[in-house]
Protein backbone atom coordinates (compact mmCIF):
# COMPACT_ATOMS: atom_id res chain seq x y z
CA MET A 1 1.60 -27.11 0.78
CA ARG A 2 1.35 -24.83 -2.41
CA ALA A 3 3.25 -21.83 -2.67
CA ALA A 4 3.78 -19.26 -5.41
CA VAL A 5 7.41 -18.96 -6.19
CA ILE A 6 9.33 -16.16 -7.87
CA THR A 7 11.53 -18.70 -9.85
CA LYS A 8 13.51 -15.70 -11.60
CA PHE A 9 13.10 -11.85 -11.99
CA GLY A 10 10.77 -11.00 -14.83
CA PRO A 11 7.14 -11.00 -16.07
CA PRO A 12 4.20 -12.25 -14.19
CA GLU A 13 4.94 -15.94 -15.82
CA VAL A 14 7.91 -16.44 -13.67
CA LEU A 15 5.57 -16.49 -10.50
CA GLN A 16 4.88 -20.23 -10.48
CA ILE A 17 3.03 -22.57 -8.04
CA ARG A 18 5.23 -25.26 -6.40
CA ASP A 19 4.89 -27.84 -3.81
CA LEU A 20 6.87 -26.87 -0.62
CA HIS A 21 7.29 -27.85 3.05
CA VAL A 22 5.05 -26.36 5.57
CA PRO A 23 7.23 -23.94 7.47
CA SER A 24 8.45 -24.80 10.87
CA ILE A 25 7.95 -22.38 13.86
CA GLY A 26 10.03 -21.24 16.64
CA VAL A 27 8.86 -20.78 20.21
CA GLY A 28 7.58 -17.23 19.50
CA ASP A 29 5.94 -17.90 16.17
CA VAL A 30 2.54 -18.54 14.84
CA LEU A 31 1.78 -20.84 11.98
CA VAL A 32 -1.37 -19.74 9.94
CA ARG A 33 -3.27 -21.52 7.38
CA THR A 34 -3.93 -18.87 4.93
CA ARG A 35 -7.32 -18.06 3.64
CA ALA A 36 -6.50 -14.69 1.76
CA ILE A 37 -3.61 -12.81 0.46
CA GLY A 38 -3.41 -9.17 -0.21
CA LEU A 39 -1.33 -8.08 -3.19
CA ASN A 40 0.84 -5.04 -3.08
CA PHE A 41 2.81 -3.18 -5.80
CA ALA A 42 5.94 -3.85 -3.64
CA GLU A 43 5.63 -7.59 -4.67
CA VAL A 44 5.55 -6.55 -8.45
CA PHE A 45 8.63 -4.62 -7.87
CA ALA A 46 10.11 -7.62 -6.08
CA ARG A 47 9.11 -10.04 -8.99
CA LEU A 48 10.96 -7.53 -11.28
CA GLY A 49 13.99 -7.43 -9.20
CA TYR A 50 13.80 -3.86 -8.41
CA TYR A 51 12.98 -3.93 -4.67
CA PRO A 52 15.59 -3.52 -2.09
CA GLY A 53 16.28 -5.96 0.49
CA ILE A 54 14.58 -8.98 -1.38
CA PRO A 55 16.36 -12.54 -1.56
CA LYS A 56 17.72 -13.93 -4.73
CA PRO A 57 15.21 -16.35 -6.70
CA PRO A 58 13.87 -18.68 -5.92
CA PHE A 59 11.82 -17.31 -3.19
CA VAL A 60 8.13 -16.88 -1.93
CA PRO A 61 6.97 -13.30 -1.93
CA GLY A 62 4.05 -11.83 -0.11
CA ILE A 63 3.64 -9.49 2.92
CA GLU A 64 0.07 -9.58 4.07
CA PHE A 65 -2.38 -12.39 4.67
CA SER A 66 -5.43 -13.63 6.60
CA GLY A 67 -6.32 -17.07 7.92
CA VAL A 68 -6.66 -19.42 10.81
CA VAL A 69 -4.02 -20.20 13.45
CA ASP A 70 -2.89 -23.70 12.84
CA ALA A 71 0.01 -23.86 15.41
CA THR A 72 1.80 -21.75 17.91
CA GLY A 73 5.10 -21.75 19.71
CA ALA A 74 5.67 -22.54 23.16
CA SER A 75 6.11 -18.99 24.39
CA VAL A 76 3.12 -17.49 22.35
CA ARG A 77 0.25 -16.00 24.44
CA GLY A 78 -3.04 -14.54 23.48
CA ILE A 79 -3.47 -16.47 20.29
CA LYS A 80 -4.69 -20.14 20.03
CA LYS A 81 -5.29 -22.67 17.24
CA GLY A 82 -8.48 -21.99 15.43
CA ASP A 83 -8.37 -18.34 16.01
CA ARG A 84 -9.12 -16.07 12.98
CA VAL A 85 -6.26 -13.62 12.33
CA PHE A 86 -4.63 -11.31 9.85
CA GLY A 87 -0.83 -10.42 9.77
CA PHE A 88 2.27 -9.46 7.96
CA SER A 89 5.38 -11.07 6.81
CA LYS A 90 8.46 -9.78 5.17
CA HIS A 91 8.04 -12.53 2.69
CA ASN A 92 6.48 -15.92 2.29
CA ALA A 93 2.68 -14.90 2.32
CA TYR A 94 2.07 -16.22 -1.13
CA ALA A 95 1.46 -19.76 0.41
CA GLU A 96 -1.13 -22.00 1.89
CA PHE A 97 0.93 -21.82 5.21
CA VAL A 98 2.69 -18.67 6.74
CA ALA A 99 4.94 -18.75 9.76
CA VAL A 100 5.67 -15.35 11.42
CA PRO A 101 6.46 -13.98 14.75
CA ARG A 102 3.39 -13.30 17.23
CA GLU A 103 4.06 -9.54 17.12
CA PHE A 104 2.97 -9.45 13.54
CA ILE A 105 -0.38 -11.20 14.02
CA LEU A 106 -3.62 -9.52 15.03
CA ARG A 107 -7.21 -10.97 15.66
CA MET A 108 -9.58 -10.34 13.00
CA PRO A 109 -12.95 -8.52 14.08
CA ARG A 110 -15.94 -10.71 14.01
CA THR A 111 -17.51 -8.76 11.36
CA MET A 112 -14.51 -8.85 8.95
CA SER A 113 -14.15 -11.28 6.08
CA PHE A 114 -10.88 -13.12 5.33
CA GLU A 115 -10.81 -11.09 2.03
CA ASP A 116 -11.16 -7.71 3.87
CA ALA A 117 -8.59 -8.79 6.61
CA ALA A 118 -6.20 -9.53 3.76
CA ALA A 119 -6.71 -6.12 2.27
CA PHE A 120 -6.83 -3.92 5.47
CA GLY A 121 -3.50 -3.77 7.03
CA VAL A 122 -0.80 -2.51 4.72
CA ALA A 123 -2.86 0.07 2.84
CA SER A 124 -4.44 1.36 6.11
CA LEU A 125 -1.01 1.50 7.80
CA THR A 126 0.57 3.10 4.89
CA ALA A 127 -2.11 5.71 4.73
CA TYR A 128 -1.98 6.53 8.48
CA HIS A 129 1.70 6.55 8.63
CA GLY A 130 1.99 9.19 5.84
CA LEU A 131 -1.14 11.44 6.60
CA VAL A 132 -1.08 11.14 10.49
CA THR A 133 2.26 10.52 11.77
CA LEU A 134 4.46 12.21 9.20
CA ALA A 135 2.17 14.71 7.68
CA HIS A 136 0.06 15.70 10.89
CA LEU A 137 -3.02 16.17 8.64
CA MET A 138 -5.41 18.63 9.96
CA ARG A 139 -8.87 19.61 9.67
CA GLY A 140 -9.54 22.16 6.83
CA GLU A 141 -6.01 21.64 5.14
CA ARG A 142 -5.83 21.00 1.45
CA LEU A 143 -4.71 17.45 0.58
CA LEU A 144 -3.76 15.95 -2.85
CA ILE A 145 -3.74 12.26 -3.15
CA HIS A 146 -2.15 10.64 -6.12
CA ALA A 147 -3.36 7.28 -7.51
CA ALA A 148 -6.26 7.65 -5.22
CA ALA A 149 -8.28 4.74 -6.46
CA GLY A 150 -5.60 2.14 -5.42
CA GLY A 151 -5.50 0.26 -2.19
CA VAL A 152 -3.70 2.94 -0.39
CA GLY A 153 -5.42 5.63 -1.98
CA THR A 154 -8.96 4.49 -0.99
CA ALA A 155 -7.63 4.00 2.51
CA ALA A 156 -6.13 7.66 2.53
CA LEU A 157 -9.36 9.11 1.16
CA GLN A 158 -11.28 7.60 4.21
CA ILE A 159 -8.82 8.80 6.72
CA ALA A 160 -8.56 12.35 5.28
CA ARG A 161 -12.39 12.48 5.06
CA HIS A 162 -12.42 11.51 8.87
CA LEU A 163 -9.92 14.23 9.65
CA GLY A 164 -11.84 16.82 7.71
CA ALA A 165 -9.30 17.67 5.01
CA THR A 166 -10.30 19.17 1.80
CA ILE A 167 -9.35 16.32 -0.70
CA PHE A 168 -8.08 16.63 -4.23
CA ALA A 169 -7.20 13.34 -5.88
CA THR A 170 -5.75 12.23 -9.28
CA VAL A 171 -6.62 9.13 -11.16
CA GLY A 172 -5.27 7.23 -14.11
CA SER A 173 -8.58 6.79 -16.01
CA GLU A 174 -12.29 7.88 -16.12
CA ALA A 175 -13.42 4.56 -14.85
CA LYS A 176 -11.81 5.14 -11.46
CA ARG A 177 -13.44 8.65 -10.97
CA LYS A 178 -16.75 7.42 -9.23
CA ILE A 179 -15.26 5.60 -6.34
CA VAL A 180 -12.93 8.35 -5.53
CA GLU A 181 -15.63 10.81 -5.42
CA GLU A 182 -17.93 8.62 -3.25
CA LEU A 183 -14.88 8.41 -0.66
CA GLY A 184 -14.88 12.06 -0.31
CA ALA A 185 -12.67 13.93 -2.93
CA LYS A 186 -13.63 17.21 -3.62
CA VAL A 187 -12.02 17.28 -7.06
CA VAL A 188 -10.89 14.46 -8.98
CA ILE A 189 -8.45 14.86 -12.02
CA ASN A 190 -7.44 12.35 -14.79
CA TYR A 191 -3.78 13.00 -14.77
CA SER A 192 -3.45 11.00 -18.04
CA ARG A 193 -5.71 13.72 -19.79
CA ASP A 194 -5.63 16.84 -17.68
CA ASP A 195 -2.79 19.03 -16.21
CA PHE A 196 -3.38 18.43 -12.46
CA ALA A 197 -1.26 21.43 -11.54
CA ALA A 198 -3.02 23.79 -13.62
CA VAL A 199 -6.28 22.65 -12.18
CA LEU A 200 -5.24 22.89 -8.69
CA ARG A 201 -3.73 26.29 -9.01
CA ASN A 202 -7.06 27.29 -10.25
CA GLU A 203 -9.08 25.49 -7.36
CA THR A 204 -6.96 26.69 -4.53
CA LYS A 205 -6.80 30.38 -6.19
CA GLY A 206 -2.95 30.02 -6.30
CA GLU A 207 -2.57 29.45 -2.53
CA GLY A 208 -1.33 25.94 -3.03
CA LEU A 209 -1.64 22.70 -0.95
CA ASP A 210 -0.87 21.74 2.53
CA VAL A 211 -0.11 18.16 2.01
CA ILE A 212 0.75 15.84 -1.09
CA PHE A 213 0.51 12.16 -0.52
CA ASP A 214 2.45 10.50 -3.59
CA SER A 215 3.15 7.06 -4.50
CA VAL A 216 3.97 7.86 -8.27
CA GLY A 217 6.95 10.25 -8.02
CA GLY A 218 8.71 11.23 -11.37
CA ARG A 219 7.20 14.06 -13.42
CA LEU A 220 4.11 14.16 -11.08
CA MET A 221 6.40 15.05 -8.20
CA ARG A 222 7.93 17.86 -10.06
CA LYS A 223 4.77 19.48 -10.79
CA GLY A 224 3.48 18.76 -7.32
CA TRP A 225 6.52 20.13 -5.51
CA LYS A 226 5.64 23.65 -6.93
CA LEU A 227 2.16 23.54 -5.59
CA LEU A 228 3.02 23.42 -2.11
CA ALA A 229 1.90 26.22 0.33
CA PRO A 230 3.96 27.59 2.99
CA MET A 231 4.28 24.77 5.76
CA GLY A 232 3.28 22.36 2.95
CA ARG A 233 4.43 18.81 3.47
CA TYR A 234 5.32 16.50 0.67
CA VAL A 235 5.04 12.72 1.53
CA LEU A 236 6.61 10.31 -1.00
CA PHE A 237 6.19 6.60 -0.50
CA GLY A 238 6.61 5.11 -3.85
CA PHE A 239 7.89 5.63 -7.38
CA ALA A 240 5.40 3.62 -9.57
CA ALA A 241 6.09 5.94 -12.28
CA VAL A 242 9.17 3.83 -13.33
CA ALA A 243 6.82 0.74 -14.16
CA ASN A 244 4.43 -0.02 -16.72
CA ASP A 245 2.14 -3.17 -17.53
CA ARG A 246 5.27 -4.80 -18.97
CA GLY A 247 7.88 -4.20 -16.38
CA VAL A 248 10.53 -1.43 -15.81
CA ASN A 249 11.84 0.32 -18.99
CA LYS A 250 15.28 1.46 -17.94
CA PHE A 251 15.14 4.51 -20.33
CA ARG A 252 11.65 5.55 -18.93
CA ALA A 253 12.95 4.90 -15.41
CA LEU A 254 16.00 7.10 -16.13
CA GLN A 255 13.72 9.77 -17.64
CA GLU A 256 11.31 9.71 -14.42
CA ALA A 257 14.30 9.78 -12.04
CA MET A 258 15.59 12.80 -13.87
CA SER A 259 12.11 14.50 -13.79
CA VAL A 260 12.04 14.83 -9.99
CA PRO A 261 12.57 18.31 -8.69
CA LEU A 262 16.22 19.32 -7.69
CA ILE A 263 15.69 20.17 -4.12
CA TYR A 264 18.14 22.60 -2.74
CA PRO A 265 18.14 22.13 1.25
CA PRO A 266 18.11 25.97 2.17
CA SER A 267 15.16 26.32 -0.12
CA LEU A 268 13.19 24.10 2.39
CA VAL A 269 13.84 26.86 4.97
CA THR A 270 13.07 29.79 3.03
CA LYS A 271 9.92 28.20 1.48
CA ASN A 272 8.82 26.74 4.85
CA VAL A 273 8.20 23.23 3.19
CA SER A 274 9.01 19.64 4.12
CA LEU A 275 9.86 16.51 2.00
CA MET A 276 9.26 13.24 3.82
CA GLY A 277 9.66 9.69 2.63
CA PHE A 278 9.01 6.21 3.82
CA ASN A 279 8.69 2.67 3.21
CA LEU A 280 6.80 0.45 5.93
CA TYR A 281 8.89 -2.60 4.66
CA PHE A 282 11.89 -1.04 6.44
CA LEU A 283 9.87 -0.35 9.64
CA ALA A 284 9.15 -3.87 10.58
CA GLN A 285 11.30 -3.35 13.67
CA LYS A 286 9.05 -0.76 15.01
CA THR A 287 6.53 -3.33 16.33
CA LYS A 288 5.29 -1.36 19.16
CA TYR A 289 4.40 1.69 16.99
CA LEU A 290 2.92 -0.40 14.23
CA ARG A 291 0.66 -2.50 16.73
CA THR A 292 -0.46 0.83 18.25
CA VAL A 293 -1.47 2.20 14.84
CA MET A 294 -3.18 -1.08 13.92
CA GLU A 295 -5.24 -1.05 17.16
CA GLN A 296 -6.36 2.58 16.32
CA LEU A 297 -7.26 1.61 12.71
CA LEU A 298 -9.32 -1.31 14.07
CA ARG A 299 -11.15 1.07 16.21
CA TRP A 300 -12.05 3.13 13.24
CA TYR A 301 -13.28 0.01 11.49
CA ALA A 302 -15.33 -0.86 14.34
CA LYS A 303 -17.00 2.62 14.07
CA GLY A 304 -17.46 2.30 10.35
CA ILE A 305 -15.00 5.06 9.55
CA LEU A 306 -12.63 3.13 7.66
CA ARG A 307 -13.27 0.08 5.36
CA PRO A 308 -11.10 -1.82 3.14
CA VAL A 309 -11.87 -1.57 -0.61
CA VAL A 310 -11.49 -4.95 -2.34
CA GLY A 311 -11.86 -4.36 -6.15
CA SER A 312 -10.72 -7.73 -7.38
CA VAL A 313 -10.51 -11.35 -6.05
CA PHE A 314 -8.63 -13.99 -7.87
CA PRO A 315 -8.15 -17.70 -6.95
CA PHE A 316 -4.90 -18.94 -5.82
CA ASP A 317 -4.19 -20.74 -9.06
CA LYS A 318 -4.59 -17.47 -10.88
CA ILE A 319 -2.10 -15.55 -8.63
CA ALA A 320 0.20 -14.54 -11.55
CA GLU A 321 -2.86 -13.18 -13.35
CA ALA A 322 -3.71 -11.37 -10.24
CA GLN A 323 -0.35 -9.77 -10.15
CA ALA A 324 -0.40 -8.79 -13.86
CA PHE A 325 -3.75 -7.17 -13.43
CA LEU A 326 -2.38 -5.22 -10.42
CA GLN A 327 0.67 -4.08 -12.49
CA SER A 328 -1.72 -3.04 -15.50
CA ARG A 329 -2.96 -0.14 -13.17
CA LYS A 330 -6.47 -1.11 -14.17
CA SER A 331 -7.30 -2.21 -10.67
CA VAL A 332 -9.44 -0.32 -8.16
CA GLY A 333 -8.84 -0.73 -4.43
CA LYS A 334 -7.07 -3.99 -3.32
CA VAL A 335 -6.41 -7.09 -5.36
CA VAL A 336 -7.08 -10.07 -3.11
CA VAL A 337 -6.17 -13.86 -3.81
CA THR A 338 -8.23 -16.37 -2.03
CA VAL A 339 -6.59 -19.85 -0.76
CA ALA A 340 -9.07 -22.66 -0.73
């Protein structure tokens, strides 16, 4: 089979297509012939060598995919050869075949394409876990979503709109404004041009925000932390501020790390605010919880409440270019790679 291998840590060119053996499966595993792969910023950081828990090169990255079941282990129930499925893997999804435990596989809805299925899981799970499970976002609350035009951001917009929140959003360019407004944002701020904190203090009449959903961190977090209203919740799930379209600049990374607010624990008590952080990659053992959430997300999909936003599609031979495009921050929604 063909697979995209991180041959060493570095720029997109280190991601090279190689011929590898089709993976073997255990009694509880499912072998899937991949049809589409969803790209995530975590895989960019893995390629750069800055993601915790990754193997040493060479290795095949990739955490979400869709395809057709090719074989099942002896103890697998409820899934058979030929079924259309999507799923998750800690690594190895950038390949024509991927083998994963049965609990990480779900059936695709009949109306869902392979491209949409590959774009649905991680973004929707991330948005739900942060906004619903952690922040308990409620109707009428004021929410700020950073990087709202990305895969997670577009899922978060739809979930927040369904929950009845008042949504404020930031984007990195004017080209991304329209889709964020269409998905329910009341106010969209270009943080590369405008001071989002000043805009939001004016928009909220100084009352502040109830929830901030942040994948960027760094200086944006310093400004955002001061915007929290009493009982406000700050949900941090990434630190994209340290990377640019060429990689991770160590000096810039240090600057951004030093720009985060200095949080003195007793001040959380007196100000009645909360800081929450998460990384779904390290929640893989919570299979019952994750499956329960996915079942809810699929119900929302069936009702038309939640739809994956696929902004760009690349062929498998162009997977390095697809990662480079994602890293450039020019993408909207999810970047998906199709496998012939």
